[in-house]
PDB file of N, CA and C in Angstrom:
ATOM      1  N   MET A   1       0.402   0.660 -39.906  1.00  0.00           N
ATOM      2  CA  MET A   1       1.570   0.718 -40.753  1.00  0.00           C
ATOM      3  C   MET A   1       2.201  -0.663 -40.787  1.00  0.00           C
ATOM      4  N   TYR A   2       2.539  -1.107 -41.945  1.00  0.00           N
ATOM      5  CA  TYR A   2       3.088  -2.449 -42.097  1.00  0.00           C
ATOM      6  C   TYR A   2       4.608  -2.404 -42.154  1.00  0.00           C
ATOM      7  N   ARG A   3       5.153  -1.826 -43.196  1.00  0.00           N
ATOM      8  CA  ARG A   3       6.614  -1.696 -43.275  1.00  0.00           C
ATOM      9  C   ARG A   3       6.974  -0.595 -44.253  1.00  0.00           C
ATOM     10  N   LYS A   4       8.171  -0.090 -44.113  1.00  0.00           N
ATOM     11  CA  LYS A   4       8.678   0.898 -45.052  1.00  0.00           C
ATOM     12  C   LYS A   4       9.184   0.189 -46.299  1.00  0.00           C
ATOM     13  N   MET A   5       9.125   0.900 -47.420  1.00  0.00           N
ATOM     14  CA  MET A   5       9.736   0.365 -48.628  1.00  0.00           C
ATOM     15  C   MET A   5      11.245   0.456 -48.480  1.00  0.00           C
ATOM     16  N   THR A   6      11.933  -0.507 -49.054  1.00  0.00           N
ATOM     17  CA  THR A   6      13.394  -0.500 -48.991  1.00  0.00           C
ATOM     18  C   THR A   6      13.958   0.498 -50.002  1.00  0.00           C
ATOM     19  N   LYS A   7      15.205   0.834 -49.817  1.00  0.00           N
ATOM     20  CA  LYS A   7      15.886   1.738 -50.756  1.00  0.00           C
ATOM     21  C   LYS A   7      15.878   1.137 -52.161  1.00  0.00           C
ATOM     22  N   ALA A   8      16.114  -0.157 -52.263  1.00  0.00           N
ATOM     23  CA  ALA A   8      16.121  -0.828 -53.566  1.00  0.00           C
ATOM     24  C   ALA A   8      14.736  -0.754 -54.227  1.00  0.00           C
ATOM     25  N   GLU A   9      13.671  -0.911 -53.441  1.00  0.00           N
ATOM     26  CA  GLU A   9      12.317  -0.809 -53.999  1.00  0.00           C
ATOM     27  C   GLU A   9      12.030   0.600 -54.498  1.00  0.00           C
ATOM     28  N   ILE A  10      12.475   1.596 -53.740  1.00  0.00           N
ATOM     29  CA  ILE A  10      12.232   2.993 -54.100  1.00  0.00           C
ATOM     30  C   ILE A  10      13.036   3.378 -55.340  1.00  0.00           C
ATOM     31  N   GLU A  11      14.278   2.946 -55.391  1.00  0.00           N
ATOM     32  CA  GLU A  11      15.151   3.320 -56.500  1.00  0.00           C
ATOM     33  C   GLU A  11      14.955   2.454 -57.734  1.00  0.00           C
ATOM     34  N   GLY A  12      14.278   1.318 -57.576  1.00  0.00           N
ATOM     35  CA  GLY A  12      14.030   0.428 -58.709  1.00  0.00           C
ATOM     36  C   GLY A  12      12.758   0.833 -59.435  1.00  0.00           C
ATOM     37  N   ASP A  13      11.973  -0.125 -59.800  1.00  0.00           N
ATOM     38  CA  ASP A  13      10.690   0.117 -60.481  1.00  0.00           C
ATOM     39  C   ASP A  13       9.664   0.494 -59.415  1.00  0.00           C
ATOM     40  N   TYR A  14       9.670   1.769 -59.038  1.00  0.00           N
ATOM     41  CA  TYR A  14       8.925   2.271 -57.875  1.00  0.00           C
ATOM     42  C   TYR A  14       7.446   1.907 -57.901  1.00  0.00           C
ATOM     43  N   GLU A  15       6.788   2.130 -59.025  1.00  0.00           N
ATOM     44  CA  GLU A  15       5.354   1.859 -59.101  1.00  0.00           C
ATOM     45  C   GLU A  15       5.067   0.371 -58.915  1.00  0.00           C
ATOM     46  N   LEU A  16       5.846  -0.463 -59.582  1.00  0.00           N
ATOM     47  CA  LEU A  16       5.678  -1.914 -59.440  1.00  0.00           C
ATOM     48  C   LEU A  16       5.935  -2.339 -57.999  1.00  0.00           C
ATOM     49  N   GLU A  17       6.983  -1.824 -57.394  1.00  0.00           N
ATOM     50  CA  GLU A  17       7.328  -2.207 -56.024  1.00  0.00           C
ATOM     51  C   GLU A  17       6.293  -1.711 -55.013  1.00  0.00           C
ATOM     52  N   THR A  18       5.705  -0.534 -55.267  1.00  0.00           N
ATOM     53  CA  THR A  18       4.620  -0.059 -54.406  1.00  0.00           C
ATOM     54  C   THR A  18       3.461  -1.051 -54.465  1.00  0.00           C
ATOM     55  N   GLY A  19       3.128  -1.491 -55.668  1.00  0.00           N
ATOM     56  CA  GLY A  19       2.086  -2.509 -55.819  1.00  0.00           C
ATOM     57  C   GLY A  19       2.434  -3.803 -55.113  1.00  0.00           C
ATOM     58  N   ASN A  20       3.698  -4.206 -55.199  1.00  0.00           N
ATOM     59  CA  ASN A  20       4.129  -5.433 -54.523  1.00  0.00           C
ATOM     60  C   ASN A  20       3.989  -5.315 -53.007  1.00  0.00           C
ATOM     61  N   VAL A  21       4.293  -4.131 -52.456  1.00  0.00           N
ATOM     62  CA  VAL A  21       4.151  -3.913 -51.014  1.00  0.00           C
ATOM     63  C   VAL A  21       2.669  -4.024 -50.621  1.00  0.00           C
ATOM     64  N   ILE A  22       1.785  -3.482 -51.448  1.00  0.00           N
ATOM     65  CA  ILE A  22       0.348  -3.571 -51.171  1.00  0.00           C
ATOM     66  C   ILE A  22      -0.108  -5.025 -51.218  1.00  0.00           C
ATOM     67  N   VAL A  23       0.298  -5.759 -52.232  1.00  0.00           N
ATOM     68  CA  VAL A  23      -0.066  -7.180 -52.339  1.00  0.00           C
ATOM     69  C   VAL A  23       0.469  -7.952 -51.140  1.00  0.00           C
ATOM     70  N   GLU A  24       1.705  -7.676 -50.748  1.00  0.00           N
ATOM     71  CA  GLU A  24       2.310  -8.324 -49.575  1.00  0.00           C
ATOM     72  C   GLU A  24       1.473  -8.077 -48.326  1.00  0.00           C
ATOM     73  N   ARG A  25       1.019  -6.841 -48.166  1.00  0.00           N
ATOM     74  CA  ARG A  25       0.226  -6.489 -46.975  1.00  0.00           C
ATOM     75  C   ARG A  25      -1.105  -7.216 -46.947  1.00  0.00           C
ATOM     76  N   PHE A  26      -1.665  -7.501 -48.103  1.00  0.00           N
ATOM     77  CA  PHE A  26      -2.994  -8.102 -48.154  1.00  0.00           C
ATOM     78  C   PHE A  26      -2.985  -9.624 -48.150  1.00  0.00           C
ATOM     79  N   LYS A  27      -1.846 -10.234 -47.951  1.00  0.00           N
ATOM     80  CA  LYS A  27      -1.827 -11.694 -47.807  1.00  0.00           C
ATOM     81  C   LYS A  27      -2.672 -12.065 -46.605  1.00  0.00           C
ATOM     82  N   GLY A  28      -3.677 -12.913 -46.834  1.00  0.00           N
ATOM     83  CA  GLY A  28      -4.557 -13.341 -45.754  1.00  0.00           C
ATOM     84  C   GLY A  28      -5.707 -12.390 -45.488  1.00  0.00           C
ATOM     85  N   LEU A  29      -5.793 -11.283 -46.217  1.00  0.00           N
ATOM     86  CA  LEU A  29      -6.887 -10.335 -46.051  1.00  0.00           C
ATOM     87  C   LEU A  29      -7.769 -10.348 -47.292  1.00  0.00           C
ATOM     88  N   ASN A  30      -9.018  -9.964 -47.127  1.00  0.00           N
ATOM     89  CA  ASN A  30      -9.943  -9.867 -48.248  1.00  0.00           C
ATOM     90  C   ASN A  30     -10.038  -8.397 -48.655  1.00  0.00           C
ATOM     91  N   PRO A  31      -9.564  -8.031 -49.855  1.00  0.00           N
ATOM     92  CA  PRO A  31      -9.595  -6.632 -50.264  1.00  0.00           C
ATOM     93  C   PRO A  31     -11.011  -6.077 -50.423  1.00  0.00           C
ATOM     94  N   ASP A  32     -12.029  -6.941 -50.507  1.00  0.00           N
ATOM     95  CA  ASP A  32     -13.410  -6.455 -50.521  1.00  0.00           C
ATOM     96  C   ASP A  32     -13.838  -5.987 -49.135  1.00  0.00           C
ATOM     97  N   GLU A  33     -13.227  -6.543 -48.102  1.00  0.00           N
ATOM     98  CA  GLU A  33     -13.558  -6.168 -46.735  1.00  0.00           C
ATOM     99  C   GLU A  33     -12.689  -5.012 -46.235  1.00  0.00           C
ATOM    100  N   VAL A  34     -11.540  -4.825 -46.849  1.00  0.00           N
ATOM    101  CA  VAL A  34     -10.621  -3.746 -46.478  1.00  0.00           C
ATOM    102  C   VAL A  34     -10.280  -3.008 -47.778  1.00  0.00           C
ATOM    103  N   PRO A  35     -11.142  -2.055 -48.189  1.00  0.00           N
ATOM    104  CA  PRO A  35     -10.999  -1.464 -49.524  1.00  0.00           C
ATOM    105  C   PRO A  35     -10.015  -0.293 -49.614  1.00  0.00           C
ATOM    106  N   GLY A  36      -8.929  -0.381 -48.881  1.00  0.00           N
ATOM    107  CA  GLY A  36      -7.921   0.660 -48.972  1.00  0.00           C
ATOM    108  C   GLY A  36      -6.718   0.322 -48.120  1.00  0.00           C
ATOM    109  N   VAL A  37      -5.633   1.018 -48.387  1.00  0.00           N
ATOM    110  CA  VAL A  37      -4.396   0.773 -47.656  1.00  0.00           C
ATOM    111  C   VAL A  37      -3.561   2.052 -47.658  1.00  0.00           C
ATOM    112  N   LEU A  38      -2.797   2.212 -46.607  1.00  0.00           N
ATOM    113  CA  LEU A  38      -1.821   3.296 -46.543  1.00  0.00           C
ATOM    114  C   LEU A  38      -0.438   2.688 -46.728  1.00  0.00           C
ATOM    115  N   VAL A  39       0.324   3.248 -47.633  1.00  0.00           N
ATOM    116  CA  VAL A  39       1.711   2.844 -47.819  1.00  0.00           C
ATOM    117  C   VAL A  39       2.558   3.880 -47.094  1.00  0.00           C
ATOM    118  N   ASN A  40       3.520   3.428 -46.322  1.00  0.00           N
ATOM    119  CA  ASN A  40       4.359   4.317 -45.526  1.00  0.00           C
ATOM    120  C   ASN A  40       4.888   5.473 -46.368  1.00  0.00           C
ATOM    121  N   ASN A  41       4.729   6.690 -45.851  1.00  0.00           N
ATOM    122  CA  ASN A  41       5.181   7.923 -46.513  1.00  0.00           C
ATOM    123  C   ASN A  41       4.567   8.127 -47.891  1.00  0.00           C
ATOM    124  N   HIS A  42       3.333   7.694 -48.037  1.00  0.00           N
ATOM    125  CA  HIS A  42       2.625   7.823 -49.306  1.00  0.00           C
ATOM    126  C   HIS A  42       1.173   8.134 -48.983  1.00  0.00           C
ATOM    127  N   GLY A  43       0.425   8.544 -49.963  1.00  0.00           N
ATOM    128  CA  GLY A  43      -1.004   8.773 -49.768  1.00  0.00           C
ATOM    129  C   GLY A  43      -1.768   7.460 -49.750  1.00  0.00           C
ATOM    130  N   PRO A  44      -3.086   7.555 -49.561  1.00  0.00           N
ATOM    131  CA  PRO A  44      -3.898   6.344 -49.513  1.00  0.00           C
ATOM    132  C   PRO A  44      -4.115   5.737 -50.898  1.00  0.00           C
ATOM    133  N   PHE A  45      -4.275   4.437 -50.915  1.00  0.00           N
ATOM    134  CA  PHE A  45      -4.723   3.717 -52.100  1.00  0.00           C
ATOM    135  C   PHE A  45      -6.080   3.136 -51.733  1.00  0.00           C
ATOM    136  N   ALA A  46      -7.082   3.389 -52.561  1.00  0.00           N
ATOM    137  CA  ALA A  46      -8.431   2.911 -52.264  1.00  0.00           C
ATOM    138  C   ALA A  46      -9.039   2.337 -53.533  1.00  0.00           C
ATOM    139  N   TRP A  47      -9.993   1.445 -53.355  1.00  0.00           N
ATOM    140  CA  TRP A  47     -10.680   0.825 -54.478  1.00  0.00           C
ATOM    141  C   TRP A  47     -12.115   0.546 -54.085  1.00  0.00           C
ATOM    142  N   GLY A  48     -12.911   0.161 -55.051  1.00  0.00           N
ATOM    143  CA  GLY A  48     -14.304  -0.160 -54.812  1.00  0.00           C
ATOM    144  C   GLY A  48     -14.914  -0.731 -56.076  1.00  0.00           C
ATOM    145  N   LYS A  49     -16.205  -0.970 -56.032  1.00  0.00           N
ATOM    146  CA  LYS A  49     -16.908  -1.547 -57.183  1.00  0.00           C
ATOM    147  C   LYS A  49     -17.053  -0.545 -58.318  1.00  0.00           C
ATOM    148  N   SER A  50     -16.859   0.734 -58.016  1.00  0.00           N
ATOM    149  CA  SER A  50     -16.920   1.786 -59.030  1.00  0.00           C
ATOM    150  C   SER A  50     -15.910   2.863 -58.638  1.00  0.00           C
ATOM    151  N   ALA A  51     -15.681   3.784 -59.543  1.00  0.00           N
ATOM    152  CA  ALA A  51     -14.787   4.896 -59.227  1.00  0.00           C
ATOM    153  C   ALA A  51     -15.343   5.702 -58.056  1.00  0.00           C
ATOM    154  N   GLY A  52     -16.661   5.880 -58.023  1.00  0.00           N
ATOM    155  CA  GLY A  52     -17.287   6.602 -56.916  1.00  0.00           C
ATOM    156  C   GLY A  52     -17.074   5.920 -55.584  1.00  0.00           C
ATOM    157  N   ASP A  53     -17.191   4.583 -55.571  1.00  0.00           N
ATOM    158  CA  ASP A  53     -16.937   3.824 -54.338  1.00  0.00           C
ATOM    159  C   ASP A  53     -15.485   3.986 -53.891  1.00  0.00           C
ATOM    160  N   ALA A  54     -14.566   3.972 -54.845  1.00  0.00           N
ATOM    161  CA  ALA A  54     -13.147   4.129 -54.507  1.00  0.00           C
ATOM    162  C   ALA A  54     -12.892   5.503 -53.898  1.00  0.00           C
ATOM    163  N   VAL A  55     -13.499   6.540 -54.465  1.00  0.00           N
ATOM    164  CA  VAL A  55     -13.340   7.889 -53.907  1.00  0.00           C
ATOM    165  C   VAL A  55     -13.940   7.940 -52.508  1.00  0.00           C
ATOM    166  N   HIS A  56     -15.122   7.351 -52.337  1.00  0.00           N
ATOM    167  CA  HIS A  56     -15.760   7.316 -51.012  1.00  0.00           C
ATOM    168  C   HIS A  56     -14.836   6.645 -49.997  1.00  0.00           C
ATOM    169  N   ASN A  57     -14.248   5.516 -50.364  1.00  0.00           N
ATOM    170  CA  ASN A  57     -13.355   4.797 -49.455  1.00  0.00           C
ATOM    171  C   ASN A  57     -12.112   5.616 -49.128  1.00  0.00           C
ATOM    172  N   ALA A  58     -11.596   6.371 -50.097  1.00  0.00           N
ATOM    173  CA  ALA A  58     -10.446   7.239 -49.834  1.00  0.00           C
ATOM    174  C   ALA A  58     -10.822   8.351 -48.849  1.00  0.00           C
ATOM    175  N   VAL A  59     -12.014   8.929 -49.014  1.00  0.00           N
ATOM    176  CA  VAL A  59     -12.470   9.986 -48.104  1.00  0.00           C
ATOM    177  C   VAL A  59     -12.651   9.421 -46.695  1.00  0.00           C
ATOM    178  N   VAL A  60     -13.212   8.224 -46.594  1.00  0.00           N
ATOM    179  CA  VAL A  60     -13.387   7.588 -45.277  1.00  0.00           C
ATOM    180  C   VAL A  60     -12.025   7.378 -44.619  1.00  0.00           C
ATOM    181  N   MET A  61     -11.037   6.901 -45.374  1.00  0.00           N
ATOM    182  CA  MET A  61      -9.698   6.704 -44.802  1.00  0.00           C
ATOM    183  C   MET A  61      -9.116   8.021 -44.304  1.00  0.00           C
ATOM    184  N   GLU A  62      -9.312   9.098 -45.064  1.00  0.00           N
ATOM    185  CA  GLU A  62      -8.814  10.409 -44.645  1.00  0.00           C
ATOM    186  C   GLU A  62      -9.484  10.849 -43.342  1.00  0.00           C
ATOM    187  N   GLU A  63     -10.781  10.647 -43.222  1.00  0.00           N
ATOM    188  CA  GLU A  63     -11.500  11.041 -42.005  1.00  0.00           C
ATOM    189  C   GLU A  63     -11.047  10.212 -40.806  1.00  0.00           C
ATOM    190  N   VAL A  64     -10.863   8.915 -41.016  1.00  0.00           N
ATOM    191  CA  VAL A  64     -10.378   8.058 -39.927  1.00  0.00           C
ATOM    192  C   VAL A  64      -8.974   8.489 -39.516  1.00  0.00           C
ATOM    193  N   ALA A  65      -8.138   8.833 -40.489  1.00  0.00           N
ATOM    194  CA  ALA A  65      -6.784   9.308 -40.172  1.00  0.00           C
ATOM    195  C   ALA A  65      -6.838  10.594 -39.345  1.00  0.00           C
ATOM    196  N   LYS A  66      -7.735  11.510 -39.703  1.00  0.00           N
ATOM    197  CA  LYS A  66      -7.886  12.749 -38.929  1.00  0.00           C
ATOM    198  C   LYS A  66      -8.327  12.454 -37.498  1.00  0.00           C
ATOM    199  N   MET A  67      -9.307  11.575 -37.351  1.00  0.00           N
ATOM    200  CA  MET A  67      -9.783  11.235 -36.001  1.00  0.00           C
ATOM    201  C   MET A  67      -8.677  10.579 -35.185  1.00  0.00           C
ATOM    202  N   THR A  68      -7.910   9.698 -35.820  1.00  0.00           N
ATOM    203  CA  THR A  68      -6.811   9.026 -35.127  1.00  0.00           C
ATOM    204  C   THR A  68      -5.751  10.042 -34.704  1.00  0.00           C
ATOM    205  N   PHE A  69      -5.378  10.931 -35.616  1.00  0.00           N
ATOM    206  CA  PHE A  69      -4.380  11.949 -35.297  1.00  0.00           C
ATOM    207  C   PHE A  69      -4.832  12.801 -34.121  1.00  0.00           C
ATOM    208  N   ARG A  70      -6.067  13.253 -34.172  1.00  0.00           N
ATOM    209  CA  ARG A  70      -6.579  14.114 -33.101  1.00  0.00           C
ATOM    210  C   ARG A  70      -6.635  13.370 -31.772  1.00  0.00           C
ATOM    211  N   SER A  71      -7.070  12.118 -31.812  1.00  0.00           N
ATOM    212  CA  SER A  71      -7.135  11.322 -30.581  1.00  0.00           C
ATOM    213  C   SER A  71      -5.755  11.135 -29.976  1.00  0.00           C
ATOM    214  N   LEU A  72      -4.783  10.804 -30.835  1.00  0.00           N
ATOM    215  CA  LEU A  72      -3.423  10.585 -30.336  1.00  0.00           C
ATOM    216  C   LEU A  72      -2.765  11.887 -29.899  1.00  0.00           C
ATOM    217  N   TYR A  73      -3.125  12.986 -30.528  1.00  0.00           N
ATOM    218  CA  TYR A  73      -2.599  14.292 -30.123  1.00  0.00           C
ATOM    219  C   TYR A  73      -3.087  14.641 -28.715  1.00  0.00           C
ATOM    220  N   LEU A  74      -4.368  14.376 -28.477  1.00  0.00           N
ATOM    221  CA  LEU A  74      -4.937  14.683 -27.162  1.00  0.00           C
ATOM    222  C   LEU A  74      -4.468  13.711 -26.087  1.00  0.00           C
ATOM    223  N   ASN A  75      -4.280  12.453 -26.465  1.00  0.00           N
ATOM    224  CA  ASN A  75      -3.849  11.438 -25.507  1.00  0.00           C
ATOM    225  C   ASN A  75      -3.009  10.396 -26.240  1.00  0.00           C
ATOM    226  N   PRO A  76      -1.681  10.527 -26.214  1.00  0.00           N
ATOM    227  CA  PRO A  76      -0.815   9.589 -26.935  1.00  0.00           C
ATOM    228  C   PRO A  76      -0.967   8.132 -26.493  1.00  0.00           C
ATOM    229  N   LYS A  77      -1.565   7.899 -25.339  1.00  0.00           N
ATOM    230  CA  LYS A  77      -1.748   6.526 -24.859  1.00  0.00           C
ATOM    231  C   LYS A  77      -3.106   5.943 -25.251  1.00  0.00           C
ATOM    232  N   THR A  78      -3.835   6.651 -26.119  1.00  0.00           N
ATOM    233  CA  THR A  78      -5.150   6.196 -26.553  1.00  0.00           C
ATOM    234  C   THR A  78      -5.052   4.829 -27.221  1.00  0.00           C
ATOM    235  N   THR A  79      -5.954   3.955 -26.841  1.00  0.00           N
ATOM    236  CA  THR A  79      -6.056   2.636 -27.479  1.00  0.00           C
ATOM    237  C   THR A  79      -7.524   2.337 -27.725  1.00  0.00           C
ATOM    238  N   MET A  80      -7.794   1.314 -28.504  1.00  0.00           N
ATOM    239  CA  MET A  80      -9.158   0.856 -28.717  1.00  0.00           C
ATOM    240  C   MET A  80      -9.187  -0.633 -28.447  1.00  0.00           C
ATOM    241  N   ASP A  81     -10.101  -1.044 -27.609  1.00  0.00           N
ATOM    242  CA  ASP A  81     -10.234  -2.432 -27.220  1.00  0.00           C
ATOM    243  C   ASP A  81     -10.582  -3.308 -28.427  1.00  0.00           C
ATOM    244  N   GLN A  82      -9.969  -4.474 -28.533  1.00  0.00           N
ATOM    245  CA  GLN A  82     -10.220  -5.385 -29.653  1.00  0.00           C
ATOM    246  C   GLN A  82     -11.686  -5.776 -29.734  1.00  0.00           C
ATOM    247  N   ALA A  83     -12.353  -5.942 -28.593  1.00  0.00           N
ATOM    248  CA  ALA A  83     -13.788  -6.301 -28.612  1.00  0.00           C
ATOM    249  C   ALA A  83     -14.605  -5.211 -29.295  1.00  0.00           C
ATOM    250  N   LEU A  84     -14.251  -3.943 -29.074  1.00  0.00           N
ATOM    251  CA  LEU A  84     -14.966  -2.845 -29.724  1.00  0.00           C
ATOM    252  C   LEU A  84     -14.662  -2.798 -31.221  1.00  0.00           C
ATOM    253  N   LEU A  85     -13.416  -3.022 -31.583  1.00  0.00           N
ATOM    254  CA  LEU A  85     -13.069  -3.093 -33.001  1.00  0.00           C
ATOM    255  C   LEU A  85     -13.845  -4.209 -33.694  1.00  0.00           C
ATOM    256  N   ASP A  86     -13.887  -5.376 -33.061  1.00  0.00           N
ATOM    257  CA  ASP A  86     -14.625  -6.509 -33.624  1.00  0.00           C
ATOM    258  C   ASP A  86     -16.107  -6.190 -33.768  1.00  0.00           C
ATOM    259  N   LYS A  87     -16.686  -5.534 -32.772  1.00  0.00           N
ATOM    260  CA  LYS A  87     -18.102  -5.184 -32.806  1.00  0.00           C
ATOM    261  C   LYS A  87     -18.408  -4.297 -34.019  1.00  0.00           C
ATOM    262  N   HIS A  88     -17.604  -3.256 -34.216  1.00  0.00           N
ATOM    263  CA  HIS A  88     -17.825  -2.359 -35.349  1.00  0.00           C
ATOM    264  C   HIS A  88     -17.634  -3.086 -36.680  1.00  0.00           C
ATOM    265  N   TYR A  89     -16.614  -3.912 -36.760  1.00  0.00           N
ATOM    266  CA  TYR A  89     -16.353  -4.653 -37.996  1.00  0.00           C
ATOM    267  C   TYR A  89     -17.501  -5.614 -38.297  1.00  0.00           C
ATOM    268  N   LEU A  90     -17.897  -6.390 -37.314  1.00  0.00           N
ATOM    269  CA  LEU A  90     -18.928  -7.401 -37.540  1.00  0.00           C
ATOM    270  C   LEU A  90     -20.294  -6.783 -37.809  1.00  0.00           C
ATOM    271  N   ARG A  91     -20.570  -5.622 -37.229  1.00  0.00           N
ATOM    272  CA  ARG A  91     -21.830  -4.939 -37.523  1.00  0.00           C
ATOM    273  C   ARG A  91     -21.956  -4.670 -39.013  1.00  0.00           C
ATOM    274  N   LYS A  92     -20.848  -4.376 -39.642  1.00  0.00           N
ATOM    275  CA  LYS A  92     -20.847  -4.040 -41.061  1.00  0.00           C
ATOM    276  C   LYS A  92     -20.718  -5.278 -41.945  1.00  0.00           C
ATOM    277  N   HIS A  93     -19.955  -6.262 -41.507  1.00  0.00           N
ATOM    278  CA  HIS A  93     -19.589  -7.368 -42.380  1.00  0.00           C
ATOM    279  C   HIS A  93     -20.190  -8.721 -42.019  1.00  0.00           C
ATOM    280  N   GLU A  94     -20.851  -8.859 -40.884  1.00  0.00           N
ATOM    281  CA  GLU A  94     -21.305 -10.172 -40.442  1.00  0.00           C
ATOM    282  C   GLU A  94     -22.244 -10.834 -41.446  1.00  0.00           C
ATOM    283  N   LYS A  95     -23.208 -10.096 -41.990  1.00  0.00           N
ATOM    284  CA  LYS A  95     -24.135 -10.683 -42.953  1.00  0.00           C
ATOM    285  C   LYS A  95     -23.381 -11.219 -44.163  1.00  0.00           C
ATOM    286  N   MET A  96     -22.392 -10.458 -44.634  1.00  0.00           N
ATOM    287  CA  MET A  96     -21.617 -10.900 -45.781  1.00  0.00           C
ATOM    288  C   MET A  96     -20.816 -12.152 -45.444  1.00  0.00           C
ATOM    289  N   LEU A  97     -20.275 -12.216 -44.239  1.00  0.00           N
ATOM    290  CA  LEU A  97     -19.486 -13.380 -43.843  1.00  0.00           C
ATOM    291  C   LEU A  97     -20.361 -14.627 -43.760  1.00  0.00           C
ATOM    292  N   ILE A  98     -21.623 -14.458 -43.355  1.00  0.00           N
ATOM    293  CA  ILE A  98     -22.534 -15.594 -43.204  1.00  0.00           C
ATOM    294  C   ILE A  98     -23.118 -16.007 -44.556  1.00  0.00           C
ATOM    295  N   THR A  99     -23.594 -15.024 -45.326  1.00  0.00           N
ATOM    296  CA  THR A  99     -24.313 -15.316 -46.573  1.00  0.00           C
ATOM    297  C   THR A  99     -23.445 -15.212 -47.818  1.00  0.00           C
ATOM    298  N   GLY A 100     -22.313 -14.541 -47.689  1.00  0.00           N
ATOM    299  CA  GLY A 100     -21.490 -14.293 -48.880  1.00  0.00           C
ATOM    300  C   GLY A 100     -21.986 -13.122 -49.691  1.00  0.00           C
ATOM    301  N   ARG A 101     -23.010 -12.413 -49.189  1.00  0.00           N
ATOM    302  CA  ARG A 101     -23.572 -11.276 -49.911  1.00  0.00           C
ATOM    303  C   ARG A 101     -23.408 -10.017 -49.075  1.00  0.00           C
ATOM    304  N   SER A 102     -23.003  -8.967 -49.725  1.00  0.00           N
ATOM    305  CA  SER A 102     -22.796  -7.698 -49.029  1.00  0.00           C
ATOM    306  C   SER A 102     -24.118  -7.021 -48.732  1.00  0.00           C
ATOM    307  N   SER A 103     -24.210  -6.415 -47.557  1.00  0.00           N
ATOM    308  CA  SER A 103     -25.394  -5.641 -47.202  1.00  0.00           C
ATOM    309  C   SER A 103     -25.168  -4.168 -47.455  1.00  0.00           C
ATOM    310  N   LEU A 104     -24.007  -3.826 -48.058  1.00  0.00           N
ATOM    311  CA  LEU A 104     -23.656  -2.423 -48.297  1.00  0.00           C
ATOM    312  C   LEU A 104     -24.358  -1.893 -49.511  1.00  0.00           C
TER     313      LEU A 104
END
C-alpha cells in the first residue's frame, strides 16, 4: 500500500486523480515489470500486452492477495526475506533485464 487518496482527490475529478495516484506510485518503476497496482480502498488495476494478459495479471493479483491474507491471518508476524523476494523476481525477469527481451 502506498498512500490513501486525499479528500480533495476523491471529491474532485476522481477518475483523473486515481490515475494520478497510480502514476505517482510508478515513479522509478517499470510498468512492464509490475503489470498491476492496488489503489487503497479500491480494486486492482492491471494491464498487459493484450486484454487477455491484463485479465491474467488481475487474476494473479487476486490470488496473491488471497495467499497474503491467509498467511497474515494464520500468523500476523509473517514476513518474507528480501533475498527470497529477489530470487523469485530475478527468476522471472533476469533475462529481460540482461537482454531487454522478455522470456514470458
